[in-house]
Amino acid sequence: MSAPLTAWIEGIGVIAPGLPDWPTARAVLRGEAARVDAPSILPVPDLLPPAERRRASRVVKLTLAVGREAAAHAGADLSILATVFSASGADGHNCHALCEQLAGEDRQISPTRFHNSVHNAAAGYWGIATRAMAPCQVICAHDASFGAGLLDALAQVVLDSQPTLLVAYDTEYPEPLFAKRPVPDAAGVALLLAPARSERSLARIAVSPSRAPADTVADPGLEAQRTAIPALRALPLLQKLAAGEGGSVVVDYLAPMQLAVAVTPC
C-alpha cells in the first residue's frame, strides 16, 4: 500500500449486544448514555419476500438491518450500491444444525439448510431483498475480517470511483462449537464509503499500514465485545466517529500488520 486509501463515510449502521442501532451506539460511545447489557436485537427482514423472510437466519436479519441503516442515513439507493460482505465465519446456528443432522442416522440435508451454509449466503439474500445488480465481494479473514473488508471496500471506492457499502458481521455458534469459537452474540457494522465529499458526509478516512497495537475502548463491556466478536474490532473507529473527533486509530488486521485509520470529521 504505497499511499493511504481514502474515502468519505456517508452512513453508519450498527447492531451489537445492548446497541440496537447507530444512534444508541453513538450515545454510548460518547458517554452520554449507559450501555445496557442485553442480547442483540435483530429486526424482521421485511425487505425480503414472504417465503425468504420465513427462512431468514440470524445472519441474514443482521446484515440486512445494518446495511439498510447505513444506506438510509446516507439517502442511498440500495439497488445500485456495490457491496462488500465480511465475516469471520458463516451461519453458526445453521452449521450446528447441519452437524447434528450428519451425526445422526438420517443424513438427508434439506436444500434450505445447504444453501444457507455457504459463506456468501448473506450477500445472496441481500441481492434478493434489494434487487441489487452492482458488484459484490465476500471476504473472510478470521479475526481480521473487519480490517480485510475495510481494505477491499476502500479499494473499490478508489479504483472504481463509486460508493461502496461495507457490511462486517458475525454470529454466535451453539455448543459444542461455541467451546472452539466463543463468539457470544450476533453483531454487525456497516459503513457506506464514497469517493467524494457530499452534504451527507460524516468524516474522511485514510487507511495505511501500521505496526502499532490496535486501539481499545475504555468501557470494559465494550472492550470484551471488541475482542470476542471480530466485526466489533471496528469499535475504536466508531468511537472516534461518534465523538466527531479528528485523529488516528489503529484497528486489527493480519498480524503483525495493523491498519491505521486517520479520521477527519466534516
Protein backbone atom coordinates (compact mmCIF):
# COMPACT_ATOMS: atom_id res chain seq x y z
CA MET A 1 0.00 0.00 0.00
CA SER A 2 2.11 2.91 -1.28
CA ALA A 3 -0.33 5.65 -0.28
CA PRO A 4 -3.28 5.79 2.12
CA LEU A 5 -6.62 4.61 0.78
CA THR A 6 -9.16 7.37 1.34
CA ALA A 7 -12.94 7.68 1.29
CA TRP A 8 -15.78 9.64 2.86
CA ILE A 9 -18.12 7.94 5.30
CA GLU A 10 -21.71 8.74 4.35
CA GLY A 11 -23.66 6.39 6.62
CA ILE A 12 -23.22 4.02 9.56
CA GLY A 13 -25.21 1.03 10.74
CA VAL A 14 -24.66 -0.90 13.98
CA ILE A 15 -26.18 -3.82 15.83
CA ALA A 16 -24.38 -5.30 18.85
CA PRO A 17 -25.32 -6.59 22.31
CA GLY A 18 -27.04 -3.66 24.01
CA LEU A 19 -26.63 -1.47 20.90
CA PRO A 20 -29.67 -1.89 18.64
CA ASP A 21 -28.72 0.88 16.17
CA TRP A 22 -26.20 3.62 15.40
CA PRO A 23 -27.93 6.43 17.37
CA THR A 24 -27.87 4.28 20.51
CA ALA A 25 -24.28 3.20 19.89
CA ARG A 26 -23.21 6.81 19.26
CA ALA A 27 -24.69 7.97 22.56
CA VAL A 28 -22.99 5.13 24.46
CA LEU A 29 -19.63 5.68 22.75
CA ARG A 30 -19.84 9.40 23.55
CA GLY A 31 -20.51 8.63 27.20
CA GLU A 32 -23.96 10.24 27.01
CA ALA A 33 -25.84 7.03 27.79
CA ALA A 34 -25.09 3.91 29.80
CA ARG A 35 -24.51 0.68 27.95
CA VAL A 36 -27.29 -1.86 28.56
CA ASP A 37 -26.19 -5.46 28.95
CA ALA A 38 -28.70 -7.11 26.64
CA PRO A 39 -28.70 -9.56 23.71
CA SER A 40 -28.56 -8.20 20.17
CA ILE A 41 -31.94 -7.32 18.68
CA LEU A 42 -32.36 -8.49 15.08
CA PRO A 43 -35.24 -6.81 13.22
CA VAL A 44 -37.64 -8.68 10.94
CA PRO A 45 -36.16 -8.61 7.40
CA ASP A 46 -39.22 -7.01 5.81
CA LEU A 47 -37.35 -6.24 2.58
CA LEU A 48 -37.46 -9.94 1.72
CA PRO A 49 -40.41 -11.65 0.02
CA PRO A 50 -42.54 -13.70 2.48
CA ALA A 51 -41.04 -17.10 1.61
CA GLU A 52 -37.45 -15.92 2.05
CA ARG A 53 -38.42 -13.92 5.14
CA ARG A 54 -39.62 -17.10 6.86
CA ARG A 55 -36.33 -18.84 6.12
CA ALA A 56 -34.09 -15.88 7.04
CA SER A 57 -31.36 -16.78 9.52
CA ARG A 58 -29.84 -14.57 12.18
CA VAL A 59 -27.02 -13.74 9.76
CA VAL A 60 -29.49 -12.54 7.12
CA LYS A 61 -31.52 -10.47 9.60
CA LEU A 62 -28.33 -8.89 10.95
CA THR A 63 -26.78 -7.94 7.61
CA LEU A 64 -29.98 -6.58 6.10
CA ALA A 65 -30.60 -4.43 9.18
CA VAL A 66 -27.15 -2.83 9.48
CA GLY A 67 -26.72 -2.37 5.74
CA ARG A 68 -30.12 -0.79 5.42
CA GLU A 69 -29.45 1.58 8.34
CA ALA A 70 -26.18 2.82 6.85
CA ALA A 71 -27.75 3.35 3.43
CA ALA A 72 -30.77 5.13 4.93
CA HIS A 73 -28.53 7.59 6.81
CA ALA A 74 -26.85 8.41 3.51
CA GLY A 75 -30.07 8.55 1.50
CA ALA A 76 -28.57 5.91 -0.83
CA ASP A 77 -30.42 3.66 -3.26
CA LEU A 78 -29.85 0.07 -2.09
CA SER A 79 -30.39 -1.35 -5.55
CA ILE A 80 -27.32 0.33 -7.08
CA LEU A 81 -24.81 0.05 -4.24
CA ALA A 82 -21.66 -2.02 -4.66
CA THR A 83 -21.19 -4.13 -1.53
CA VAL A 84 -18.52 -5.92 0.48
CA PHE A 85 -19.65 -8.54 2.99
CA SER A 86 -17.01 -9.56 5.52
CA ALA A 87 -17.34 -12.15 8.30
CA SER A 88 -15.07 -14.47 10.24
CA GLY A 89 -17.46 -17.37 9.72
CA ALA A 90 -20.80 -18.26 8.22
CA ASP A 91 -24.11 -19.06 9.94
CA GLY A 92 -23.25 -20.64 13.29
CA HIS A 93 -26.73 -21.99 14.06
CA ASN A 94 -27.13 -23.44 10.59
CA CYS A 95 -23.68 -25.03 10.84
CA HIS A 96 -24.69 -26.56 14.18
CA ALA A 97 -27.92 -27.95 12.68
CA LEU A 98 -26.01 -29.48 9.74
CA CYS A 99 -23.53 -31.13 12.10
CA GLU A 100 -26.38 -32.58 14.16
CA GLN A 101 -28.02 -33.94 11.01
CA LEU A 102 -24.80 -35.52 9.75
CA ALA A 103 -24.09 -37.03 13.17
CA GLY A 104 -27.43 -38.88 13.15
CA GLU A 105 -28.82 -41.74 11.12
CA ASP A 106 -30.81 -39.55 8.71
CA ARG A 107 -28.20 -37.60 6.76
CA GLN A 108 -30.55 -36.12 4.19
CA ILE A 109 -29.75 -32.41 4.27
CA SER A 110 -32.54 -30.02 3.30
CA PRO A 111 -31.79 -27.70 0.35
CA THR A 112 -32.53 -24.67 2.55
CA ARG A 113 -30.01 -25.78 5.18
CA PHE A 114 -27.42 -26.38 2.48
CA HIS A 115 -27.72 -23.06 0.66
CA ASN A 116 -27.77 -21.17 3.98
CA SER A 117 -24.49 -22.85 4.98
CA VAL A 118 -22.26 -21.12 2.44
CA HIS A 119 -20.23 -18.05 3.35
CA ASN A 120 -21.92 -15.83 0.76
CA ALA A 121 -25.50 -16.60 1.86
CA ALA A 122 -25.96 -13.15 3.40
CA ALA A 123 -24.85 -11.47 0.18
CA GLY A 124 -27.30 -13.62 -1.77
CA TYR A 125 -30.23 -12.64 0.43
CA TRP A 126 -29.14 -9.00 0.16
CA GLY A 127 -29.42 -9.29 -3.62
CA ILE A 128 -32.90 -10.80 -3.34
CA ALA A 129 -34.03 -8.11 -0.89
CA THR A 130 -32.62 -5.09 -2.71
CA ARG A 131 -32.56 -6.39 -6.32
CA ALA A 132 -29.05 -5.02 -6.50
CA MET A 133 -27.05 -5.89 -9.61
CA ALA A 134 -23.92 -3.96 -8.59
CA PRO A 135 -20.60 -5.72 -7.84
CA CYS A 136 -20.50 -7.70 -4.58
CA GLN A 137 -17.46 -9.12 -2.79
CA VAL A 138 -17.50 -11.62 0.09
CA ILE A 139 -14.46 -11.65 2.39
CA CYS A 140 -13.25 -13.85 5.25
CA ALA A 141 -10.05 -13.28 7.23
CA HIS A 142 -10.85 -14.84 10.62
CA ASP A 143 -10.39 -12.25 13.38
CA ALA A 144 -9.05 -9.71 10.85
CA SER A 145 -12.26 -9.78 8.81
CA PHE A 146 -13.31 -6.19 9.58
CA GLY A 147 -9.92 -4.86 8.50
CA ALA A 148 -9.89 -7.03 5.38
CA GLY A 149 -13.38 -5.88 4.44
CA LEU A 150 -12.45 -2.25 5.00
CA LEU A 151 -9.44 -2.57 2.70
CA ASP A 152 -11.47 -4.26 -0.02
CA ALA A 153 -14.25 -1.67 0.15
CA LEU A 154 -11.76 1.21 0.07
CA ALA A 155 -10.01 -0.29 -2.94
CA GLN A 156 -13.30 -0.38 -4.82
CA VAL A 157 -14.08 3.21 -3.88
CA VAL A 158 -10.65 4.38 -5.03
CA LEU A 159 -10.37 2.31 -8.22
CA ASP A 160 -13.98 2.43 -9.41
CA SER A 161 -14.94 5.86 -8.02
CA GLN A 162 -18.25 4.52 -6.79
CA PRO A 163 -19.95 4.38 -3.37
CA THR A 164 -19.44 1.02 -1.69
CA LEU A 165 -21.24 -0.43 1.31
CA LEU A 166 -19.12 -2.46 3.74
CA VAL A 167 -21.07 -4.89 5.93
CA ALA A 168 -18.94 -6.63 8.59
CA TYR A 169 -20.78 -9.15 10.75
CA ASP A 170 -20.54 -12.24 12.94
CA THR A 171 -22.98 -14.51 14.75
CA GLU A 172 -22.63 -16.94 17.58
CA TYR A 173 -22.20 -20.73 17.48
CA PRO A 174 -24.17 -23.02 19.83
CA GLU A 175 -22.32 -25.59 21.93
CA PRO A 176 -20.25 -27.67 21.36
CA LEU A 177 -18.89 -25.45 18.55
CA PHE A 178 -19.00 -22.45 20.90
CA ALA A 179 -16.26 -24.03 23.01
CA LYS A 180 -13.94 -23.80 19.99
CA ARG A 181 -15.20 -20.48 18.62
CA PRO A 182 -16.65 -18.50 21.55
CA VAL A 183 -18.42 -15.66 19.72
CA PRO A 184 -21.04 -14.67 22.32
CA ASP A 185 -23.72 -12.98 20.17
CA ALA A 186 -24.54 -11.53 16.78
CA ALA A 187 -23.06 -8.14 15.88
CA GLY A 188 -22.57 -6.14 12.72
CA VAL A 189 -21.19 -2.82 11.47
CA ALA A 190 -21.96 -1.20 8.12
CA LEU A 191 -20.12 1.76 6.60
CA LEU A 192 -21.18 3.46 3.40
CA LEU A 193 -18.00 4.78 1.78
CA ALA A 194 -17.98 7.34 -1.04
CA PRO A 195 -15.19 8.65 -3.29
CA ALA A 196 -16.04 12.34 -2.80
CA ARG A 197 -17.44 14.59 -0.10
CA SER A 198 -21.14 15.42 -0.13
CA GLU A 199 -23.59 17.22 2.12
CA ARG A 200 -24.20 13.90 3.89
CA SER A 201 -20.54 13.11 4.59
CA LEU A 202 -19.69 12.44 8.24
CA ALA A 203 -15.90 12.13 8.02
CA ARG A 204 -13.00 11.40 5.73
CA ILE A 205 -10.88 8.36 6.49
CA ALA A 206 -7.41 7.50 5.22
CA VAL A 207 -6.13 3.97 5.86
CA SER A 208 -2.48 2.92 5.84
CA PRO A 209 -0.40 0.03 7.24
CA SER A 210 0.82 0.15 10.83
CA ARG A 211 2.80 -2.00 13.26
CA ALA A 212 1.30 -0.29 16.31
CA PRO A 213 -1.00 -2.26 18.61
CA ALA A 214 -4.72 -1.97 18.00
CA ASP A 215 -6.60 0.64 19.99
CA THR A 216 -9.02 -0.46 22.69
CA VAL A 217 -12.14 1.10 24.19
CA ALA A 218 -12.34 2.15 27.82
CA ASP A 219 -15.70 0.55 28.68
CA PRO A 220 -14.90 -2.99 29.92
CA GLY A 221 -18.07 -4.46 28.47
CA LEU A 222 -17.49 -2.94 25.03
CA GLU A 223 -13.85 -3.97 25.11
CA ALA A 224 -14.90 -7.54 25.85
CA GLN A 225 -17.19 -7.39 22.82
CA ARG A 226 -14.41 -5.91 20.68
CA THR A 227 -12.11 -8.85 21.38
CA ALA A 228 -14.79 -11.57 21.28
CA ILE A 229 -16.72 -10.55 18.12
CA PRO A 230 -14.44 -9.88 15.13
CA ALA A 231 -16.81 -7.41 13.45
CA LEU A 232 -16.56 -5.21 16.54
CA ARG A 233 -12.84 -4.64 16.01
CA ALA A 234 -14.40 -1.55 14.41
CA LEU A 235 -15.32 -0.10 17.83
CA PRO A 236 -12.30 2.24 18.23
CA LEU A 237 -13.09 3.74 14.82
CA LEU A 238 -16.78 4.02 15.67
CA GLN A 239 -15.90 5.76 18.94
CA LYS A 240 -13.87 8.35 17.04
CA LEU A 241 -16.73 8.87 14.58
CA ALA A 242 -19.29 9.11 17.39
CA ALA A 243 -17.30 11.83 19.11
CA GLY A 244 -16.81 13.77 15.88
CA GLU A 245 -13.10 13.94 16.64
CA GLY A 246 -10.15 14.03 14.31
CA GLY A 247 -7.11 11.86 14.84
CA SER A 248 -5.96 8.34 14.18
CA VAL A 249 -6.95 4.93 15.49
CA VAL A 250 -5.42 1.52 14.84
CA VAL A 251 -7.67 -1.45 14.11
CA ASP A 252 -6.76 -5.12 13.94
CA TYR A 253 -5.63 -6.74 10.73
CA LEU A 254 -3.39 -9.71 9.91
CA ALA A 255 -0.56 -9.74 12.43
CA PRO A 256 1.95 -8.22 12.51
CA MET A 257 0.30 -5.66 10.22
CA GLN A 258 -2.44 -3.43 11.60
CA LEU A 259 -4.43 -0.66 9.95
CA ALA A 260 -4.05 2.98 10.98
CA VAL A 261 -7.20 4.94 10.19
CA ALA A 262 -6.83 8.72 10.12
CA VAL A 263 -10.20 10.40 10.71
CA THR A 264 -11.04 13.93 9.63
CA PRO A 265 -14.58 14.92 10.66
CA CYS A 266 -16.71 17.09 8.38
